[in-house]
Amino acid sequence: MLKPIALQLYTVRDYAEKDLFGTLEKVAEIGFRGVEFAGLYGHKPSEVAKVLNDLGLKACCIHDDIPKREDIEKLVQIEHELGCSRMVSMFGPAQYDSAELCREAVDRFNEACEMLGEHGISLATHNHWWEFKTINGRYALDILMDECPNLLLEADLYWAQYAKTSPAEQVARFRSRIPLIHAKDGLIKEPAEFTAAGDGEVDLTGGIKAADPNVLEWVIVELDEFAGDMWQAVKGSYRYLTQTGLAEGNR
């Protein structure tokens, strides 16, 4: 069963900062069925929710800093107003430089999972290359997933391959806890170079097909950066993923 396709709005942040609602309209016109938020650009959640409803878009998740207790009430309100029940957070690369720092991440994730879970919201972490740093012979990601039983994973296929691992193997290992996939493509080189889905070197097909269809909810397009016209890359990604049967859109 094909999963709906969404766009991480960080991809088009330069446009969203100037005109969020116009950007959402363009996303809907392309055929996307949902969006992942990385901020509301000064708008009230209720205003954004109305625009989403008018355009037939769903908020698949919200990416934000890992919450502290004083943030929970506001975050829960935003999630509920947008009709969303998933949040995504992450730490930077320095957090996995030692076992002690990784333990801090474990504790923070467990605390956040508990606080959000009380309000019916689940928390996922988003991997980059640094979650594949090894700590005492284990990937930091393995430590997080083993020691944070309620933490989900938003699997980023590009960064998994960039870290010299197999996207398909990584998704398969955690398939029972992956509701969200970033179908990110690019060239595996230093520095990282991103492309439209289908134009790079990432095993998108293997990564998406390794997911559990009973758990996976969204296939999400994201480009961290792009040297050319970002909208063309977004449209190209949409076409590739929908025309190859890796995701389902509205066009």
C-alpha atoms as a PDB file:
ATOM      1  CA  MET A   1       0.000   0.000   0.000  1.00  0.00           C
ATOM      2  CA  LEU A   2       1.464   3.329  -1.080  1.00  0.00           C
ATOM      3  CA  LYS A   3       2.001   5.929   1.605  1.00  0.00           C
ATOM      4  CA  PRO A   4       1.144   9.611   1.131  1.00  0.00           C
ATOM      5  CA  ILE A   5       3.876  12.025   0.138  1.00  0.00           C
ATOM      6  CA  ALA A   6       4.711  15.129   2.167  1.00  0.00           C
ATOM      7  CA  LEU A   7       7.222  17.960   1.976  1.00  0.00           C
ATOM      8  CA  GLN A   8       9.451  19.068   4.835  1.00  0.00           C
ATOM      9  CA  LEU A   9       8.930  22.826   4.666  1.00  0.00           C
ATOM     10  CA  TYR A  10      12.535  23.431   5.718  1.00  0.00           C
ATOM     11  CA  THR A  11      13.264  22.601   2.085  1.00  0.00           C
ATOM     12  CA  VAL A  12      11.504  25.786   0.936  1.00  0.00           C
ATOM     13  CA  ARG A  13      12.273  27.857   4.024  1.00  0.00           C
ATOM     14  CA  ASP A  14      13.404  30.884   2.012  1.00  0.00           C
ATOM     15  CA  TYR A  15       9.928  31.086   0.484  1.00  0.00           C
ATOM     16  CA  ALA A  16       8.002  30.138   3.627  1.00  0.00           C
ATOM     17  CA  GLU A  17       9.707  32.892   5.617  1.00  0.00           C
ATOM     18  CA  LYS A  18       8.334  35.469   3.172  1.00  0.00           C
ATOM     19  CA  ASP A  19       4.930  33.911   2.466  1.00  0.00           C
ATOM     20  CA  LEU A  20       4.017  30.745   4.333  1.00  0.00           C
ATOM     21  CA  PHE A  21       0.467  30.531   3.028  1.00  0.00           C
ATOM     22  CA  GLY A  22       1.519  31.114  -0.581  1.00  0.00           C
ATOM     23  CA  THR A  23       4.165  28.434  -0.146  1.00  0.00           C
ATOM     24  CA  LEU A  24       1.599  25.978   1.210  1.00  0.00           C
ATOM     25  CA  GLU A  25      -0.633  26.713  -1.763  1.00  0.00           C
ATOM     26  CA  LYS A  26       2.198  25.908  -4.160  1.00  0.00           C
ATOM     27  CA  VAL A  27       2.972  22.688  -2.269  1.00  0.00           C
ATOM     28  CA  ALA A  28      -0.671  21.624  -2.613  1.00  0.00           C
ATOM     29  CA  GLU A  29      -0.714  22.525  -6.318  1.00  0.00           C
ATOM     30  CA  ILE A  30       2.238  20.218  -6.953  1.00  0.00           C
ATOM     31  CA  GLY A  31       0.205  17.388  -5.448  1.00  0.00           C
ATOM     32  CA  PHE A  32       1.694  16.846  -2.014  1.00  0.00           C
ATOM     33  CA  ARG A  33      -0.727  15.483   0.547  1.00  0.00           C
ATOM     34  CA  GLY A  34       1.029  16.728   3.643  1.00  0.00           C
ATOM     35  CA  VAL A  35       3.762  18.892   5.111  1.00  0.00           C
ATOM     36  CA  GLU A  36       6.277  18.602   7.916  1.00  0.00           C
ATOM     37  CA  PHE A  37       6.649  21.860   9.787  1.00  0.00           C
ATOM     38  CA  ALA A  38       9.895  23.378  11.021  1.00  0.00           C
ATOM     39  CA  GLY A  39       8.339  26.505  12.505  1.00  0.00           C
ATOM     40  CA  LEU A  40       5.196  28.506  11.762  1.00  0.00           C
ATOM     41  CA  TYR A  41       6.988  31.708  10.735  1.00  0.00           C
ATOM     42  CA  GLY A  42       5.112  33.928  13.150  1.00  0.00           C
ATOM     43  CA  HIS A  43       1.619  32.659  12.337  1.00  0.00           C
ATOM     44  CA  LYS A  44      -0.907  31.371  14.853  1.00  0.00           C
ATOM     45  CA  PRO A  45      -1.504  27.600  14.743  1.00  0.00           C
ATOM     46  CA  SER A  46      -5.226  28.194  14.204  1.00  0.00           C
ATOM     47  CA  GLU A  47      -4.506  30.326  11.128  1.00  0.00           C
ATOM     48  CA  VAL A  48      -2.183  27.703   9.698  1.00  0.00           C
ATOM     49  CA  ALA A  49      -4.683  24.928  10.431  1.00  0.00           C
ATOM     50  CA  LYS A  50      -7.381  26.748   8.455  1.00  0.00           C
ATOM     51  CA  VAL A  51      -5.097  27.138   5.435  1.00  0.00           C
ATOM     52  CA  LEU A  52      -4.126  23.467   5.600  1.00  0.00           C
ATOM     53  CA  ASN A  53      -7.778  22.472   5.706  1.00  0.00           C
ATOM     54  CA  ASP A  54      -8.679  24.749   2.799  1.00  0.00           C
ATOM     55  CA  LEU A  55      -5.847  23.297   0.702  1.00  0.00           C
ATOM     56  CA  GLY A  56      -6.484  19.672   1.644  1.00  0.00           C
ATOM     57  CA  LEU A  57      -3.074  19.303   3.285  1.00  0.00           C
ATOM     58  CA  LYS A  58      -2.272  17.466   6.517  1.00  0.00           C
ATOM     59  CA  ALA A  59       0.441  18.216   9.054  1.00  0.00           C
ATOM     60  CA  CYS A  60       2.324  14.936   9.268  1.00  0.00           C
ATOM     61  CA  CYS A  61       4.661  16.074  12.052  1.00  0.00           C
ATOM     62  CA  ILE A  62       6.436  19.042  13.578  1.00  0.00           C
ATOM     63  CA  HIS A  63      10.217  19.290  13.791  1.00  0.00           C
ATOM     64  CA  ASP A  64      11.440  21.332  16.753  1.00  0.00           C
ATOM     65  CA  ASP A  65      14.053  21.400  19.483  1.00  0.00           C
ATOM     66  CA  ILE A  66      13.778  18.602  21.999  1.00  0.00           C
ATOM     67  CA  PRO A  67      11.220  19.939  24.473  1.00  0.00           C
ATOM     68  CA  LYS A  68      11.787  20.913  28.055  1.00  0.00           C
ATOM     69  CA  ARG A  69       9.050  20.728  30.645  1.00  0.00           C
ATOM     70  CA  GLU A  70       8.277  24.422  30.334  1.00  0.00           C
ATOM     71  CA  ASP A  71       7.739  23.994  26.570  1.00  0.00           C
ATOM     72  CA  ILE A  72       5.238  21.160  26.713  1.00  0.00           C
ATOM     73  CA  GLU A  73       1.993  23.091  27.092  1.00  0.00           C
ATOM     74  CA  LYS A  74       2.724  25.315  24.096  1.00  0.00           C
ATOM     75  CA  LEU A  75       3.925  22.426  21.926  1.00  0.00           C
ATOM     76  CA  VAL A  76       0.893  20.308  22.745  1.00  0.00           C
ATOM     77  CA  GLN A  77      -1.406  23.181  21.829  1.00  0.00           C
ATOM     78  CA  ILE A  78       0.333  23.629  18.468  1.00  0.00           C
ATOM     79  CA  GLU A  79       0.223  19.903  17.715  1.00  0.00           C
ATOM     80  CA  HIS A  80      -3.451  19.617  18.579  1.00  0.00           C
ATOM     81  CA  GLU A  81      -4.471  22.726  16.651  1.00  0.00           C
ATOM     82  CA  LEU A  82      -2.671  21.427  13.574  1.00  0.00           C
ATOM     83  CA  GLY A  83      -4.284  18.005  13.968  1.00  0.00           C
ATOM     84  CA  CYS A  84      -0.919  16.369  14.460  1.00  0.00           C
ATOM     85  CA  SER A  85       0.301  13.775  16.955  1.00  0.00           C
ATOM     86  CA  ARG A  86       3.982  13.398  16.088  1.00  0.00           C
ATOM     87  CA  MET A  87       6.995  15.525  16.938  1.00  0.00           C
ATOM     88  CA  VAL A  88      10.561  15.162  15.671  1.00  0.00           C
ATOM     89  CA  SER A  89      13.685  16.329  17.520  1.00  0.00           C
ATOM     90  CA  MET A  90      17.419  15.740  17.332  1.00  0.00           C
ATOM     91  CA  PHE A  91      20.754  16.699  18.809  1.00  0.00           C
ATOM     92  CA  GLY A  92      23.830  18.011  17.023  1.00  0.00           C
ATOM     93  CA  PRO A  93      26.984  16.003  16.307  1.00  0.00           C
ATOM     94  CA  ALA A  94      28.817  16.947  19.509  1.00  0.00           C
ATOM     95  CA  GLN A  95      26.168  15.136  21.587  1.00  0.00           C
ATOM     96  CA  TYR A  96      27.578  11.796  20.464  1.00  0.00           C
ATOM     97  CA  ASP A  97      31.251  12.488  21.099  1.00  0.00           C
ATOM     98  CA  SER A  98      31.311  10.400  24.281  1.00  0.00           C
ATOM     99  CA  ALA A  99      29.336   7.833  26.246  1.00  0.00           C
ATOM    100  CA  GLU A 100      28.527  10.459  28.877  1.00  0.00           C
ATOM    101  CA  LEU A 101      27.087  12.887  26.347  1.00  0.00           C
ATOM    102  CA  CYS A 102      25.122  10.108  24.680  1.00  0.00           C
ATOM    103  CA  ARG A 103      23.683   9.207  28.088  1.00  0.00           C
ATOM    104  CA  GLU A 104      22.487  12.802  28.415  1.00  0.00           C
ATOM    105  CA  ALA A 105      20.700  12.432  25.071  1.00  0.00           C
ATOM    106  CA  VAL A 106      19.082   9.188  26.219  1.00  0.00           C
ATOM    107  CA  ASP A 107      17.820  10.839  29.395  1.00  0.00           C
ATOM    108  CA  ARG A 108      16.481  13.878  27.542  1.00  0.00           C
ATOM    109  CA  PHE A 109      14.694  11.761  24.954  1.00  0.00           C
ATOM    110  CA  ASN A 110      13.131   9.521  27.594  1.00  0.00           C
ATOM    111  CA  GLU A 111      11.935  12.529  29.575  1.00  0.00           C
ATOM    112  CA  ALA A 112      10.473  14.163  26.459  1.00  0.00           C
ATOM    113  CA  CYS A 113       8.780  10.934  25.345  1.00  0.00           C
ATOM    114  CA  GLU A 114       7.112  10.650  28.735  1.00  0.00           C
ATOM    115  CA  MET A 115       5.949  14.276  28.838  1.00  0.00           C
ATOM    116  CA  LEU A 116       4.595  14.270  25.279  1.00  0.00           C
ATOM    117  CA  GLY A 117       3.103  10.803  25.652  1.00  0.00           C
ATOM    118  CA  GLU A 118       0.879  12.052  28.464  1.00  0.00           C
ATOM    119  CA  HIS A 119      -0.817  14.203  25.820  1.00  0.00           C
ATOM    120  CA  GLY A 120      -1.029  11.549  23.095  1.00  0.00           C
ATOM    121  CA  ILE A 121       1.977  12.825  21.153  1.00  0.00           C
ATOM    122  CA  SER A 122       4.848  10.582  20.106  1.00  0.00           C
ATOM    123  CA  LEU A 123       8.438  11.719  19.662  1.00  0.00           C
ATOM    124  CA  ALA A 124      10.817  10.631  16.917  1.00  0.00           C
ATOM    125  CA  THR A 125      14.447  11.462  16.341  1.00  0.00           C
ATOM    126  CA  HIS A 126      15.778  12.342  12.905  1.00  0.00           C
ATOM    127  CA  ASN A 127      19.118  10.823  11.967  1.00  0.00           C
ATOM    128  CA  HIS A 128      22.010  12.592  10.312  1.00  0.00           C
ATOM    129  CA  TRP A 129      25.439  11.046   9.832  1.00  0.00           C
ATOM    130  CA  TRP A 130      26.486  11.652  13.419  1.00  0.00           C
ATOM    131  CA  GLU A 131      24.029   9.189  14.944  1.00  0.00           C
ATOM    132  CA  PHE A 132      26.246   6.607  13.260  1.00  0.00           C
ATOM    133  CA  LYS A 133      29.257   7.590  15.328  1.00  0.00           C
ATOM    134  CA  THR A 134      30.456   4.595  17.322  1.00  0.00           C
ATOM    135  CA  ILE A 135      30.510   4.662  21.101  1.00  0.00           C
ATOM    136  CA  ASN A 136      32.119   1.630  22.733  1.00  0.00           C
ATOM    137  CA  GLY A 137      31.634  -0.304  19.505  1.00  0.00           C
ATOM    138  CA  ARG A 138      27.974   0.629  18.983  1.00  0.00           C
ATOM    139  CA  TYR A 139      26.291   3.214  16.817  1.00  0.00           C
ATOM    140  CA  ALA A 140      24.909   6.100  18.851  1.00  0.00           C
ATOM    141  CA  LEU A 141      21.613   5.445  17.053  1.00  0.00           C
ATOM    142  CA  ASP A 142      21.525   1.889  18.394  1.00  0.00           C
ATOM    143  CA  ILE A 143      22.066   3.159  21.915  1.00  0.00           C
ATOM    144  CA  LEU A 144      19.228   5.664  21.547  1.00  0.00           C
ATOM    145  CA  MET A 145      16.792   3.146  20.134  1.00  0.00           C
ATOM    146  CA  ASP A 146      17.730   0.441  22.657  1.00  0.00           C
ATOM    147  CA  GLU A 147      17.592   2.682  25.715  1.00  0.00           C
ATOM    148  CA  CYS A 148      14.655   4.901  24.700  1.00  0.00           C
ATOM    149  CA  PRO A 149      11.883   2.320  24.190  1.00  0.00           C
ATOM    150  CA  ASN A 150       9.221   4.879  23.282  1.00  0.00           C
ATOM    151  CA  LEU A 151      11.366   6.865  20.857  1.00  0.00           C
ATOM    152  CA  LEU A 152      10.489   6.547  17.171  1.00  0.00           C
ATOM    153  CA  LEU A 153      12.736   7.209  14.181  1.00  0.00           C
ATOM    154  CA  GLU A 154      12.305   9.523  11.236  1.00  0.00           C
ATOM    155  CA  ALA A 155      14.742   7.734   8.940  1.00  0.00           C
ATOM    156  CA  ASP A 156      16.773   9.988   6.653  1.00  0.00           C
ATOM    157  CA  LEU A 157      17.974   7.787   3.812  1.00  0.00           C
ATOM    158  CA  TYR A 158      20.617  10.154   2.465  1.00  0.00           C
ATOM    159  CA  TRP A 159      22.391  10.598   5.773  1.00  0.00           C
ATOM    160  CA  ALA A 160      22.294   6.865   6.476  1.00  0.00           C
ATOM    161  CA  GLN A 161      24.114   6.192   3.197  1.00  0.00           C
ATOM    162  CA  TYR A 162      26.435   9.165   3.713  1.00  0.00           C
ATOM    163  CA  ALA A 163      27.497   7.508   6.977  1.00  0.00           C
ATOM    164  CA  LYS A 164      28.582   4.488   4.911  1.00  0.00           C
ATOM    165  CA  THR A 165      25.686   2.298   5.981  1.00  0.00           C
ATOM    166  CA  SER A 166      22.864   0.795   3.919  1.00  0.00           C
ATOM    167  CA  PRO A 167      19.600   2.764   4.084  1.00  0.00           C
ATOM    168  CA  ALA A 168      17.631  -0.427   3.488  1.00  0.00           C
ATOM    169  CA  GLU A 169      19.421  -2.270   6.286  1.00  0.00           C
ATOM    170  CA  GLN A 170      18.992   0.585   8.742  1.00  0.00           C
ATOM    171  CA  VAL A 171      15.279   0.910   7.983  1.00  0.00           C
ATOM    172  CA  ALA A 172      14.821  -2.851   8.249  1.00  0.00           C
ATOM    173  CA  ARG A 173      16.478  -2.918  11.681  1.00  0.00           C
ATOM    174  CA  PHE A 174      14.065  -0.358  13.102  1.00  0.00           C
ATOM    175  CA  ARG A 175      11.063  -0.899  10.843  1.00  0.00           C
ATOM    176  CA  SER A 176       8.653  -1.377  13.746  1.00  0.00           C
ATOM    177  CA  ARG A 177       9.481   2.165  14.912  1.00  0.00           C
ATOM    178  CA  ILE A 178       9.673   4.129  11.651  1.00  0.00           C
ATOM    179  CA  PRO A 179       6.456   6.010  10.800  1.00  0.00           C
ATOM    180  CA  LEU A 180       8.304   8.688   8.805  1.00  0.00           C
ATOM    181  CA  ILE A 181      10.942   8.470   6.075  1.00  0.00           C
ATOM    182  CA  HIS A 182      12.901  11.328   4.543  1.00  0.00           C
ATOM    183  CA  ALA A 183      13.334  10.271   0.918  1.00  0.00           C
ATOM    184  CA  LYS A 184      16.369  12.495   0.527  1.00  0.00           C
ATOM    185  CA  ASP A 185      18.733  12.010  -2.405  1.00  0.00           C
ATOM    186  CA  GLY A 186      22.106  13.372  -3.362  1.00  0.00           C
ATOM    187  CA  LEU A 187      25.722  12.604  -4.143  1.00  0.00           C
ATOM    188  CA  ILE A 188      27.717  10.821  -1.475  1.00  0.00           C
ATOM    189  CA  LYS A 189      30.672  13.166  -1.310  1.00  0.00           C
ATOM    190  CA  GLU A 190      32.347  15.722   0.944  1.00  0.00           C
ATOM    191  CA  PRO A 191      30.773  18.185   1.342  1.00  0.00           C
ATOM    192  CA  ALA A 192      27.316  16.661   1.019  1.00  0.00           C
ATOM    193  CA  GLU A 193      25.488  17.560  -2.199  1.00  0.00           C
ATOM    194  CA  PHE A 194      21.727  17.202  -2.497  1.00  0.00           C
ATOM    195  CA  THR A 195      19.647  16.473  -5.592  1.00  0.00           C
ATOM    196  CA  ALA A 196      16.048  15.887  -6.521  1.00  0.00           C
ATOM    197  CA  ALA A 197      14.879  12.397  -5.594  1.00  0.00           C
ATOM    198  CA  GLY A 198      15.983   9.982  -8.292  1.00  0.00           C
ATOM    199  CA  ASP A 199      18.913  12.107  -9.468  1.00  0.00           C
ATOM    200  CA  GLY A 200      21.406  11.060  -6.816  1.00  0.00           C
ATOM    201  CA  GLU A 201      23.111   7.955  -5.493  1.00  0.00           C
ATOM    202  CA  VAL A 202      20.881   7.020  -2.564  1.00  0.00           C
ATOM    203  CA  ASP A 203      19.002   3.717  -2.503  1.00  0.00           C
ATOM    204  CA  LEU A 204      15.591   5.312  -2.042  1.00  0.00           C
ATOM    205  CA  THR A 205      13.733   2.273  -3.344  1.00  0.00           C
ATOM    206  CA  GLY A 206      15.461  -0.111  -0.965  1.00  0.00           C
ATOM    207  CA  GLY A 207      15.024   2.203   1.991  1.00  0.00           C
ATOM    208  CA  ILE A 208      11.322   2.817   1.453  1.00  0.00           C
ATOM    209  CA  LYS A 209      10.495  -0.791   0.645  1.00  0.00           C
ATOM    210  CA  ALA A 210      12.301  -1.988   3.775  1.00  0.00           C
ATOM    211  CA  ALA A 211       9.782  -0.126   5.942  1.00  0.00           C
ATOM    212  CA  ASP A 212       6.879  -1.907   7.620  1.00  0.00           C
ATOM    213  CA  PRO A 213       3.743  -0.894   5.676  1.00  0.00           C
ATOM    214  CA  ASN A 214       1.713  -1.234   8.864  1.00  0.00           C
ATOM    215  CA  VAL A 215       3.923   1.333  10.620  1.00  0.00           C
ATOM    216  CA  LEU A 216       5.101   3.724   7.914  1.00  0.00           C
ATOM    217  CA  GLU A 217       2.739   6.676   7.535  1.00  0.00           C
ATOM    218  CA  TRP A 218       4.499   9.245   5.354  1.00  0.00           C
ATOM    219  CA  VAL A 219       7.222   9.454   2.712  1.00  0.00           C
ATOM    220  CA  ILE A 220       8.685  12.949   3.048  1.00  0.00           C
ATOM    221  CA  VAL A 221      10.697  14.953   0.525  1.00  0.00           C
ATOM    222  CA  GLU A 222      13.510  17.041   1.994  1.00  0.00           C
ATOM    223  CA  LEU A 223      16.502  18.809   0.515  1.00  0.00           C
ATOM    224  CA  ASP A 224      18.809  20.534   2.980  1.00  0.00           C
ATOM    225  CA  GLU A 225      20.138  22.722   0.164  1.00  0.00           C
ATOM    226  CA  PHE A 226      20.128  22.765  -3.638  1.00  0.00           C
ATOM    227  CA  ALA A 227      22.387  24.583  -6.079  1.00  0.00           C
ATOM    228  CA  GLY A 228      19.638  25.172  -8.651  1.00  0.00           C
ATOM    229  CA  ASP A 229      15.948  26.100  -8.545  1.00  0.00           C
ATOM    230  CA  MET A 230      14.589  24.552  -5.358  1.00  0.00           C
ATOM    231  CA  TRP A 231      11.023  24.389  -6.644  1.00  0.00           C
ATOM    232  CA  GLN A 232      12.178  22.414  -9.670  1.00  0.00           C
ATOM    233  CA  ALA A 233      13.948  19.977  -7.350  1.00  0.00           C
ATOM    234  CA  VAL A 234      10.800  19.667  -5.243  1.00  0.00           C
ATOM    235  CA  LYS A 235       8.655  19.010  -8.321  1.00  0.00           C
ATOM    236  CA  GLY A 236      11.185  16.529  -9.658  1.00  0.00           C
ATOM    237  CA  SER A 237      11.235  14.688  -6.338  1.00  0.00           C
ATOM    238  CA  TYR A 238       7.446  14.521  -6.301  1.00  0.00           C
ATOM    239  CA  ARG A 239       7.319  13.157  -9.849  1.00  0.00           C
ATOM    240  CA  TYR A 240       9.979  10.542  -9.220  1.00  0.00           C
ATOM    241  CA  LEU A 241       8.531   9.195  -5.990  1.00  0.00           C
ATOM    242  CA  THR A 242       4.939   9.082  -7.234  1.00  0.00           C
ATOM    243  CA  GLN A 243       5.668   7.795 -10.746  1.00  0.00           C
ATOM    244  CA  THR A 244       7.912   4.987  -9.494  1.00  0.00           C
ATOM    245  CA  GLY A 245       5.321   3.799  -6.992  1.00  0.00           C
ATOM    246  CA  LEU A 246       7.251   4.794  -3.876  1.00  0.00           C
ATOM    247  CA  ALA A 247       4.623   7.242  -2.594  1.00  0.00           C
ATOM    248  CA  GLU A 248       1.148   8.506  -3.399  1.00  0.00           C
ATOM    249  CA  GLY A 249       0.206  12.090  -4.202  1.00  0.00           C
ATOM    250  CA  ASN A 250      -2.860  13.978  -5.363  1.00  0.00           C
ATOM    251  CA  ARG A 251      -1.804  14.391  -9.003  1.00  0.00           C
END
